[in-house]
């Protein structure tokens, strides 16, 4: 499957039902007590990268924040979540 993130098209592996369920479970841990658990958040991103088949070579020219943004976009795609668009105020 192909997704677009950070002005680039990324070829990633499809996500199975079992993998989506695992991502959903891991994501619940991120917000379990109403506060973001940073450690759990990065567990989700690492799992997403593994499922997607992406590694160090794919991100070699990127800063860590950019890597996180790509992995977050893939996560949203895998779970079928549309990112919230900010109101332009117009």
C-alpha atoms as a PDB file:
ATOM      1  CA  UNK A   1       0.000   0.000   0.000  1.00  0.00           C
ATOM      2  CA  UNK A   2       1.125   3.571  -0.576  1.00  0.00           C
ATOM      3  CA  UNK A   3       0.544   6.551   1.696  1.00  0.00           C
ATOM      4  CA  UNK A   4       1.660  10.151   1.396  1.00  0.00           C
ATOM      5  CA  UNK A   5       3.409  11.830   4.306  1.00  0.00           C
ATOM      6  CA  UNK A   6       5.979  14.617   4.520  1.00  0.00           C
ATOM      7  CA  UNK A   7       5.601  15.339   0.788  1.00  0.00           C
ATOM      8  CA  UNK A   8       6.693  11.807  -0.136  1.00  0.00           C
ATOM      9  CA  UNK A   9       4.967   8.595  -1.162  1.00  0.00           C
ATOM     10  CA  UNK A  10       5.784   5.701   1.161  1.00  0.00           C
ATOM     11  CA  UNK A  11       5.466   2.049   0.116  1.00  0.00           C
ATOM     12  CA  UNK A  12       4.380   0.200   3.238  1.00  0.00           C
ATOM     13  CA  UNK A  13       3.126  -3.273   4.060  1.00  0.00           C
ATOM     14  CA  UNK A  14      -0.575  -3.814   4.629  1.00  0.00           C
ATOM     15  CA  UNK A  15      -1.734  -4.235   8.208  1.00  0.00           C
ATOM     16  CA  UNK A  16      -3.634  -7.393   9.206  1.00  0.00           C
ATOM     17  CA  UNK A  17      -6.679  -7.431  11.448  1.00  0.00           C
ATOM     18  CA  UNK A  18      -4.601  -8.859  14.312  1.00  0.00           C
ATOM     19  CA  UNK A  19      -1.987  -6.121  13.863  1.00  0.00           C
ATOM     20  CA  UNK A  20      -4.693  -3.434  13.840  1.00  0.00           C
ATOM     21  CA  UNK A  21      -6.135  -4.853  17.071  1.00  0.00           C
ATOM     22  CA  UNK A  22      -2.688  -4.805  18.660  1.00  0.00           C
ATOM     23  CA  UNK A  23      -2.142  -1.190  17.585  1.00  0.00           C
ATOM     24  CA  UNK A  24      -5.542  -0.275  18.993  1.00  0.00           C
ATOM     25  CA  UNK A  25      -4.669  -1.915  22.313  1.00  0.00           C
ATOM     26  CA  UNK A  26      -1.285  -0.185  22.472  1.00  0.00           C
ATOM     27  CA  UNK A  27      -2.896   3.148  21.640  1.00  0.00           C
ATOM     28  CA  UNK A  28      -5.375   2.728  24.507  1.00  0.00           C
ATOM     29  CA  UNK A  29      -2.394   2.554  26.879  1.00  0.00           C
ATOM     30  CA  UNK A  30      -1.201   5.936  25.595  1.00  0.00           C
ATOM     31  CA  UNK A  31      -4.338   7.669  26.922  1.00  0.00           C
ATOM     32  CA  UNK A  32      -5.441   5.202  29.635  1.00  0.00           C
ATOM     33  CA  UNK A  33      -5.717   7.712  32.509  1.00  0.00           C
ATOM     34  CA  UNK A  34      -6.556  10.756  30.425  1.00  0.00           C
ATOM     35  CA  UNK A  35      -2.933  11.866  30.197  1.00  0.00           C
ATOM     36  CA  UNK A  36      -0.507  11.031  27.450  1.00  0.00           C
ATOM     37  CA  UNK A  37       1.968   8.308  28.373  1.00  0.00           C
ATOM     38  CA  UNK A  38       4.975   9.193  26.205  1.00  0.00           C
ATOM     39  CA  UNK A  39       6.635   5.793  26.618  1.00  0.00           C
ATOM     40  CA  UNK A  40       3.487   4.041  25.371  1.00  0.00           C
ATOM     41  CA  UNK A  41       3.202   6.491  22.476  1.00  0.00           C
ATOM     42  CA  UNK A  42       6.671   5.579  21.242  1.00  0.00           C
ATOM     43  CA  UNK A  43       5.835   1.881  21.620  1.00  0.00           C
ATOM     44  CA  UNK A  44       2.965   2.474  19.206  1.00  0.00           C
ATOM     45  CA  UNK A  45       5.225   4.263  16.714  1.00  0.00           C
ATOM     46  CA  UNK A  46       7.875   1.523  16.885  1.00  0.00           C
ATOM     47  CA  UNK A  47       5.226  -1.131  16.290  1.00  0.00           C
ATOM     48  CA  UNK A  48       3.864   0.838  13.334  1.00  0.00           C
ATOM     49  CA  UNK A  49       7.339   1.040  11.792  1.00  0.00           C
ATOM     50  CA  UNK A  50       7.815  -2.708  12.213  1.00  0.00           C
ATOM     51  CA  UNK A  51       4.440  -3.559  10.683  1.00  0.00           C
ATOM     52  CA  UNK A  52       5.018  -1.125   7.809  1.00  0.00           C
ATOM     53  CA  UNK A  53       8.391  -2.679   7.042  1.00  0.00           C
ATOM     54  CA  UNK A  54      10.219   0.612   7.396  1.00  0.00           C
ATOM     55  CA  UNK A  55      13.641   0.924   8.948  1.00  0.00           C
ATOM     56  CA  UNK A  56      16.697   3.046   9.420  1.00  0.00           C
ATOM     57  CA  UNK A  57      17.477   3.365   5.711  1.00  0.00           C
ATOM     58  CA  UNK A  58      14.004   4.731   5.009  1.00  0.00           C
ATOM     59  CA  UNK A  59      14.515   7.547   7.496  1.00  0.00           C
ATOM     60  CA  UNK A  60      18.253   8.215   7.138  1.00  0.00           C
ATOM     61  CA  UNK A  61      17.927  11.836   5.991  1.00  0.00           C
ATOM     62  CA  UNK A  62      15.142  12.824   8.380  1.00  0.00           C
ATOM     63  CA  UNK A  63      15.015  14.371  11.820  1.00  0.00           C
ATOM     64  CA  UNK A  64      13.338  12.334  14.572  1.00  0.00           C
ATOM     65  CA  UNK A  65      10.275  14.597  14.655  1.00  0.00           C
ATOM     66  CA  UNK A  66       9.773  14.001  10.931  1.00  0.00           C
ATOM     67  CA  UNK A  67      10.078  10.242  11.434  1.00  0.00           C
ATOM     68  CA  UNK A  68       7.419  10.451  14.136  1.00  0.00           C
ATOM     69  CA  UNK A  69       5.135  12.382  11.783  1.00  0.00           C
ATOM     70  CA  UNK A  70       5.475   9.714   9.084  1.00  0.00           C
ATOM     71  CA  UNK A  71       4.820   6.899  11.558  1.00  0.00           C
ATOM     72  CA  UNK A  72       1.815   8.778  12.973  1.00  0.00           C
ATOM     73  CA  UNK A  73       0.371   9.172   9.459  1.00  0.00           C
ATOM     74  CA  UNK A  74       0.815   5.440   8.854  1.00  0.00           C
ATOM     75  CA  UNK A  75      -0.811   4.656  12.212  1.00  0.00           C
ATOM     76  CA  UNK A  76      -3.854   6.761  11.309  1.00  0.00           C
ATOM     77  CA  UNK A  77      -4.072   5.048   7.914  1.00  0.00           C
ATOM     78  CA  UNK A  78      -3.853   1.582   9.457  1.00  0.00           C
ATOM     79  CA  UNK A  79      -6.651   2.290  11.926  1.00  0.00           C
ATOM     80  CA  UNK A  80      -8.774   4.187   9.409  1.00  0.00           C
ATOM     81  CA  UNK A  81      -8.700   7.408  11.417  1.00  0.00           C
ATOM     82  CA  UNK A  82      -8.930  10.688   9.567  1.00  0.00           C
ATOM     83  CA  UNK A  83      -6.671  13.374  10.985  1.00  0.00           C
ATOM     84  CA  UNK A  84      -8.643  16.339  12.306  1.00  0.00           C
ATOM     85  CA  UNK A  85      -8.389  19.313  10.064  1.00  0.00           C
ATOM     86  CA  UNK A  86      -7.955  22.678  11.705  1.00  0.00           C
ATOM     87  CA  UNK A  87     -10.664  25.220  11.010  1.00  0.00           C
ATOM     88  CA  UNK A  88      -9.303  27.968   8.809  1.00  0.00           C
ATOM     89  CA  UNK A  89     -11.578  30.435  10.586  1.00  0.00           C
ATOM     90  CA  UNK A  90     -13.261  31.450   7.367  1.00  0.00           C
END
